[in-house]
Amino acid sequence: NATPTSVSTFARPGGWRLLAAATLLALLSAFALSAWAHPGYGNGSRGGMGDSPERATRMVEHMLRGVDASDEQRRQIRDIAQRAAADLKAQRDAGRTLRERQMQLFTQPNVDAAAVEALRQQMLQQHDQMSRRVTQAMLDASRVLTPEQRAKLAERMKQRRDMGERHRRERAQIAPPPAR
């Protein structure tokens, strides 16, 4: 007794595209937030993508490898990434100041719970700002790539994630983490 409104999203024509787009957005969000917002992600260095336009360019080139992006697409996405990187560097610097303030609050003879909570709220707002900026950059970049290119990119990212998980499992078998 199914009605048209009870049909699964995936059974509808084009429903799989919605699922693929949502999956891609989730994958890109995870990658981009880590790579753009946090220094030293995945390469053992202390610098994040926001530290230099050159680093942003290298990360974009690496990300687009294998998706048959044209020179114009690469240029557009590189520009998007460089603008986002500059914005995120400023936001990361603001976050560092908040973390320093947090350390000061917790090292006082008497910890002021209200001040700590107010600072926590500021930190949440700062993280939300960074997340919004990354999401906007991802949306801008998604408009440059074709659906096929986004699907290839999502598959590459899934492969990298799977490989990383496999390496973590292998390392855990060789040397389990110390007990706490």
C-alpha atoms as a PDB file:
ATOM      1  CA  ASN A   1       0.000   0.000   0.000  1.00  0.00           C
ATOM      2  CA  ALA A   2       2.854   2.349  -0.842  1.00  0.00           C
ATOM      3  CA  THR A   3       2.119   5.936  -1.671  1.00  0.00           C
ATOM      4  CA  PRO A   4       4.436   8.167  -3.688  1.00  0.00           C
ATOM      5  CA  THR A   5       5.604   9.844  -0.472  1.00  0.00           C
ATOM      6  CA  SER A   6       6.664   6.531   1.042  1.00  0.00           C
ATOM      7  CA  VAL A   7       9.057   5.662  -1.779  1.00  0.00           C
ATOM      8  CA  SER A   8      12.624   5.589  -0.573  1.00  0.00           C
ATOM      9  CA  THR A   9      14.835   8.471  -1.669  1.00  0.00           C
ATOM     10  CA  PHE A  10      17.199   5.951  -3.219  1.00  0.00           C
ATOM     11  CA  ALA A  11      14.437   4.321  -5.275  1.00  0.00           C
ATOM     12  CA  ARG A  12      13.432   7.620  -6.837  1.00  0.00           C
ATOM     13  CA  PRO A  13      15.045   8.586 -10.139  1.00  0.00           C
ATOM     14  CA  GLY A  14      18.209  10.488  -9.265  1.00  0.00           C
ATOM     15  CA  GLY A  15      18.038   9.474  -5.598  1.00  0.00           C
ATOM     16  CA  TRP A  16      21.428   7.821  -5.797  1.00  0.00           C
ATOM     17  CA  ARG A  17      22.844  11.152  -6.967  1.00  0.00           C
ATOM     18  CA  LEU A  18      21.577  12.795  -3.799  1.00  0.00           C
ATOM     19  CA  LEU A  19      23.220  10.058  -1.752  1.00  0.00           C
ATOM     20  CA  ALA A  20      26.470  10.405  -3.726  1.00  0.00           C
ATOM     21  CA  ALA A  21      26.450  14.189  -3.313  1.00  0.00           C
ATOM     22  CA  ALA A  22      25.803  13.913   0.424  1.00  0.00           C
ATOM     23  CA  THR A  23      28.553  11.327   0.799  1.00  0.00           C
ATOM     24  CA  LEU A  24      30.988  13.461  -1.169  1.00  0.00           C
ATOM     25  CA  LEU A  25      30.161  16.511   0.922  1.00  0.00           C
ATOM     26  CA  ALA A  26      30.768  14.539   4.112  1.00  0.00           C
ATOM     27  CA  LEU A  27      34.074  13.169   2.825  1.00  0.00           C
ATOM     28  CA  LEU A  28      35.268  16.534   1.593  1.00  0.00           C
ATOM     29  CA  SER A  29      34.219  18.174   4.851  1.00  0.00           C
ATOM     30  CA  ALA A  30      36.270  15.770   6.883  1.00  0.00           C
ATOM     31  CA  PHE A  31      39.308  16.108   4.633  1.00  0.00           C
ATOM     32  CA  ALA A  32      39.078  19.844   4.159  1.00  0.00           C
ATOM     33  CA  LEU A  33      38.452  20.737   7.767  1.00  0.00           C
ATOM     34  CA  SER A  34      41.431  18.676   8.844  1.00  0.00           C
ATOM     35  CA  ALA A  35      43.707  19.870   6.074  1.00  0.00           C
ATOM     36  CA  TRP A  36      42.755  23.532   6.062  1.00  0.00           C
ATOM     37  CA  ALA A  37      42.011  24.158   9.683  1.00  0.00           C
ATOM     38  CA  HIS A  38      44.607  22.126  11.543  1.00  0.00           C
ATOM     39  CA  PRO A  39      48.336  22.613  11.175  1.00  0.00           C
ATOM     40  CA  GLY A  40      50.516  19.697  10.226  1.00  0.00           C
ATOM     41  CA  TYR A  41      47.742  17.363   9.106  1.00  0.00           C
ATOM     42  CA  GLY A  42      49.126  14.178   7.682  1.00  0.00           C
ATOM     43  CA  ASN A  43      52.635  15.273   6.824  1.00  0.00           C
ATOM     44  CA  GLY A  44      54.447  15.548  10.123  1.00  0.00           C
ATOM     45  CA  SER A  45      55.118  19.272   9.664  1.00  0.00           C
ATOM     46  CA  ARG A  46      53.905  22.062  11.863  1.00  0.00           C
ATOM     47  CA  GLY A  47      52.325  24.105   9.075  1.00  0.00           C
ATOM     48  CA  GLY A  48      48.740  23.918   7.909  1.00  0.00           C
ATOM     49  CA  MET A  49      47.293  24.804   4.552  1.00  0.00           C
ATOM     50  CA  GLY A  50      46.687  28.351   5.736  1.00  0.00           C
ATOM     51  CA  ASP A  51      50.376  28.911   6.280  1.00  0.00           C
ATOM     52  CA  SER A  52      51.151  29.665   2.643  1.00  0.00           C
ATOM     53  CA  PRO A  53      49.537  29.951  -0.760  1.00  0.00           C
ATOM     54  CA  GLU A  54      52.181  27.513  -2.033  1.00  0.00           C
ATOM     55  CA  ARG A  55      51.052  24.855   0.422  1.00  0.00           C
ATOM     56  CA  ALA A  56      47.416  25.416  -0.562  1.00  0.00           C
ATOM     57  CA  THR A  57      48.419  24.980  -4.199  1.00  0.00           C
ATOM     58  CA  ARG A  58      50.244  21.704  -3.475  1.00  0.00           C
ATOM     59  CA  MET A  59      47.288  20.342  -1.545  1.00  0.00           C
ATOM     60  CA  VAL A  60      44.849  21.240  -4.333  1.00  0.00           C
ATOM     61  CA  GLU A  61      47.080  19.651  -6.968  1.00  0.00           C
ATOM     62  CA  HIS A  62      47.338  16.496  -4.893  1.00  0.00           C
ATOM     63  CA  MET A  63      43.577  16.417  -4.331  1.00  0.00           C
ATOM     64  CA  LEU A  64      42.799  16.887  -8.041  1.00  0.00           C
ATOM     65  CA  ARG A  65      45.312  14.303  -9.257  1.00  0.00           C
ATOM     66  CA  GLY A  66      43.462  11.590 -11.113  1.00  0.00           C
ATOM     67  CA  VAL A  67      40.149  13.404 -11.612  1.00  0.00           C
ATOM     68  CA  ASP A  68      41.008  14.812 -15.060  1.00  0.00           C
ATOM     69  CA  ALA A  69      40.611  18.432 -13.967  1.00  0.00           C
ATOM     70  CA  SER A  70      41.323  21.001 -16.651  1.00  0.00           C
ATOM     71  CA  ASP A  71      43.880  23.764 -16.146  1.00  0.00           C
ATOM     72  CA  GLU A  72      41.017  26.245 -15.700  1.00  0.00           C
ATOM     73  CA  GLN A  73      39.342  24.064 -13.073  1.00  0.00           C
ATOM     74  CA  ARG A  74      42.656  23.695 -11.238  1.00  0.00           C
ATOM     75  CA  ARG A  75      43.177  27.455 -11.307  1.00  0.00           C
ATOM     76  CA  GLN A  76      39.678  28.163 -10.001  1.00  0.00           C
ATOM     77  CA  ILE A  77      39.921  25.623  -7.201  1.00  0.00           C
ATOM     78  CA  ARG A  78      43.447  26.772  -6.319  1.00  0.00           C
ATOM     79  CA  ASP A  79      42.118  30.345  -5.984  1.00  0.00           C
ATOM     80  CA  ILE A  80      39.227  29.143  -3.811  1.00  0.00           C
ATOM     81  CA  ALA A  81      41.612  27.171  -1.596  1.00  0.00           C
ATOM     82  CA  GLN A  82      44.093  30.021  -1.269  1.00  0.00           C
ATOM     83  CA  ARG A  83      41.377  32.467  -0.213  1.00  0.00           C
ATOM     84  CA  ALA A  84      40.011  29.962   2.289  1.00  0.00           C
ATOM     85  CA  ALA A  85      43.514  29.210   3.574  1.00  0.00           C
ATOM     86  CA  ALA A  86      44.166  32.895   4.255  1.00  0.00           C
ATOM     87  CA  ASP A  87      40.861  33.221   6.113  1.00  0.00           C
ATOM     88  CA  LEU A  88      41.497  30.043   8.085  1.00  0.00           C
ATOM     89  CA  LYS A  89      45.008  31.115   9.067  1.00  0.00           C
ATOM     90  CA  ALA A  90      43.561  34.220  10.711  1.00  0.00           C
ATOM     91  CA  GLN A  91      40.912  32.110  12.414  1.00  0.00           C
ATOM     92  CA  ARG A  92      43.512  29.575  13.576  1.00  0.00           C
ATOM     93  CA  ASP A  93      45.544  32.407  15.070  1.00  0.00           C
ATOM     94  CA  ALA A  94      42.431  33.575  16.934  1.00  0.00           C
ATOM     95  CA  GLY A  95      41.912  30.018  18.173  1.00  0.00           C
ATOM     96  CA  ARG A  96      45.474  29.900  19.468  1.00  0.00           C
ATOM     97  CA  THR A  97      44.790  33.054  21.485  1.00  0.00           C
ATOM     98  CA  LEU A  98      41.665  31.440  22.961  1.00  0.00           C
ATOM     99  CA  ARG A  99      43.615  28.299  23.923  1.00  0.00           C
ATOM    100  CA  GLU A 100      46.268  30.447  25.608  1.00  0.00           C
ATOM    101  CA  ARG A 101      43.522  32.216  27.546  1.00  0.00           C
ATOM    102  CA  GLN A 102      42.103  28.816  28.535  1.00  0.00           C
ATOM    103  CA  MET A 103      45.494  27.784  29.898  1.00  0.00           C
ATOM    104  CA  GLN A 104      45.662  31.002  31.903  1.00  0.00           C
ATOM    105  CA  LEU A 105      42.214  30.378  33.377  1.00  0.00           C
ATOM    106  CA  PHE A 106      43.048  26.819  34.426  1.00  0.00           C
ATOM    107  CA  THR A 107      46.356  27.792  36.037  1.00  0.00           C
ATOM    108  CA  GLN A 108      44.828  30.369  38.377  1.00  0.00           C
ATOM    109  CA  PRO A 109      44.758  29.529  42.096  1.00  0.00           C
ATOM    110  CA  ASN A 110      40.943  29.580  41.897  1.00  0.00           C
ATOM    111  CA  VAL A 111      39.436  28.523  38.582  1.00  0.00           C
ATOM    112  CA  ASP A 112      36.491  30.743  37.632  1.00  0.00           C
ATOM    113  CA  ALA A 113      33.872  28.352  36.255  1.00  0.00           C
ATOM    114  CA  ALA A 114      31.843  31.175  34.670  1.00  0.00           C
ATOM    115  CA  ALA A 115      34.900  32.518  32.843  1.00  0.00           C
ATOM    116  CA  VAL A 116      35.817  29.021  31.651  1.00  0.00           C
ATOM    117  CA  GLU A 117      32.272  28.481  30.344  1.00  0.00           C
ATOM    118  CA  ALA A 118      32.257  31.874  28.579  1.00  0.00           C
ATOM    119  CA  LEU A 119      35.565  31.005  26.949  1.00  0.00           C
ATOM    120  CA  ARG A 120      34.251  27.587  25.929  1.00  0.00           C
ATOM    121  CA  GLN A 121      31.358  29.320  24.176  1.00  0.00           C
ATOM    122  CA  GLN A 122      33.802  31.602  22.356  1.00  0.00           C
ATOM    123  CA  MET A 123      35.828  28.576  21.278  1.00  0.00           C
ATOM    124  CA  LEU A 124      32.692  26.879  19.946  1.00  0.00           C
ATOM    125  CA  GLN A 125      31.848  29.999  17.935  1.00  0.00           C
ATOM    126  CA  GLN A 126      35.377  30.123  16.563  1.00  0.00           C
ATOM    127  CA  HIS A 127      35.248  26.455  15.524  1.00  0.00           C
ATOM    128  CA  ASP A 128      31.856  27.043  13.913  1.00  0.00           C
ATOM    129  CA  GLN A 129      33.288  29.976  11.939  1.00  0.00           C
ATOM    130  CA  MET A 130      36.076  27.771  10.633  1.00  0.00           C
ATOM    131  CA  SER A 131      33.660  25.000   9.740  1.00  0.00           C
ATOM    132  CA  ARG A 132      31.430  27.443   7.857  1.00  0.00           C
ATOM    133  CA  ARG A 133      34.407  28.819   5.925  1.00  0.00           C
ATOM    134  CA  VAL A 134      35.596  25.345   4.940  1.00  0.00           C
ATOM    135  CA  THR A 135      32.081  24.352   3.904  1.00  0.00           C
ATOM    136  CA  GLN A 136      31.766  27.477   1.757  1.00  0.00           C
ATOM    137  CA  ALA A 137      35.081  26.733   0.044  1.00  0.00           C
ATOM    138  CA  MET A 138      33.951  23.170  -0.599  1.00  0.00           C
ATOM    139  CA  LEU A 139      30.675  24.353  -2.081  1.00  0.00           C
ATOM    140  CA  ASP A 140      32.541  26.797  -4.299  1.00  0.00           C
ATOM    141  CA  ALA A 141      34.925  24.049  -5.445  1.00  0.00           C
ATOM    142  CA  SER A 142      32.060  21.610  -6.040  1.00  0.00           C
ATOM    143  CA  ARG A 143      30.567  24.058  -8.523  1.00  0.00           C
ATOM    144  CA  VAL A 144      33.793  23.964 -10.534  1.00  0.00           C
ATOM    145  CA  LEU A 145      33.992  20.165 -10.827  1.00  0.00           C
ATOM    146  CA  THR A 146      31.635  17.971 -12.826  1.00  0.00           C
ATOM    147  CA  PRO A 147      29.555  15.299 -11.048  1.00  0.00           C
ATOM    148  CA  GLU A 148      31.854  12.654 -12.538  1.00  0.00           C
ATOM    149  CA  GLN A 149      34.949  14.407 -11.207  1.00  0.00           C
ATOM    150  CA  ARG A 150      33.376  14.734  -7.751  1.00  0.00           C
ATOM    151  CA  ALA A 151      32.566  11.013  -7.812  1.00  0.00           C
ATOM    152  CA  LYS A 152      36.194  10.186  -8.748  1.00  0.00           C
ATOM    153  CA  LEU A 153      37.436  12.458  -5.980  1.00  0.00           C
ATOM    154  CA  ALA A 154      35.125  10.806  -3.446  1.00  0.00           C
ATOM    155  CA  GLU A 155      36.366   7.366  -4.504  1.00  0.00           C
ATOM    156  CA  ARG A 156      40.012   8.442  -4.146  1.00  0.00           C
ATOM    157  CA  MET A 157      39.303   9.858  -0.706  1.00  0.00           C
ATOM    158  CA  LYS A 158      37.517   6.647   0.311  1.00  0.00           C
ATOM    159  CA  GLN A 159      40.534   4.630  -0.855  1.00  0.00           C
ATOM    160  CA  ARG A 160      42.886   6.868   1.138  1.00  0.00           C
ATOM    161  CA  ARG A 161      40.684   6.580   4.217  1.00  0.00           C
ATOM    162  CA  ASP A 162      40.516   2.788   3.860  1.00  0.00           C
ATOM    163  CA  MET A 163      44.297   2.607   3.420  1.00  0.00           C
ATOM    164  CA  GLY A 164      44.793   4.768   6.521  1.00  0.00           C
ATOM    165  CA  GLU A 165      42.490   2.524   8.535  1.00  0.00           C
ATOM    166  CA  ARG A 166      44.353  -0.553   7.327  1.00  0.00           C
ATOM    167  CA  HIS A 167      47.688   1.000   8.341  1.00  0.00           C
ATOM    168  CA  ARG A 168      46.321   1.905  11.774  1.00  0.00           C
ATOM    169  CA  ARG A 169      45.090  -1.670  12.292  1.00  0.00           C
ATOM    170  CA  GLU A 170      48.466  -3.063  11.184  1.00  0.00           C
ATOM    171  CA  ARG A 171      50.376  -0.731  13.516  1.00  0.00           C
ATOM    172  CA  ALA A 172      48.074  -1.649  16.405  1.00  0.00           C
ATOM    173  CA  GLN A 173      48.811  -5.341  15.814  1.00  0.00           C
ATOM    174  CA  ILE A 174      52.570  -4.752  15.778  1.00  0.00           C
ATOM    175  CA  ALA A 175      52.687  -2.460  18.798  1.00  0.00           C
ATOM    176  CA  PRO A 176      49.409  -2.082  20.699  1.00  0.00           C
ATOM    177  CA  PRO A 177      48.934   1.330  22.313  1.00  0.00           C
ATOM    178  CA  PRO A 178      50.117   1.522  25.930  1.00  0.00           C
ATOM    179  CA  ALA A 179      47.487   0.928  28.613  1.00  0.00           C
ATOM    180  CA  ARG A 180      46.347   3.999  30.460  1.00  0.00           C
END
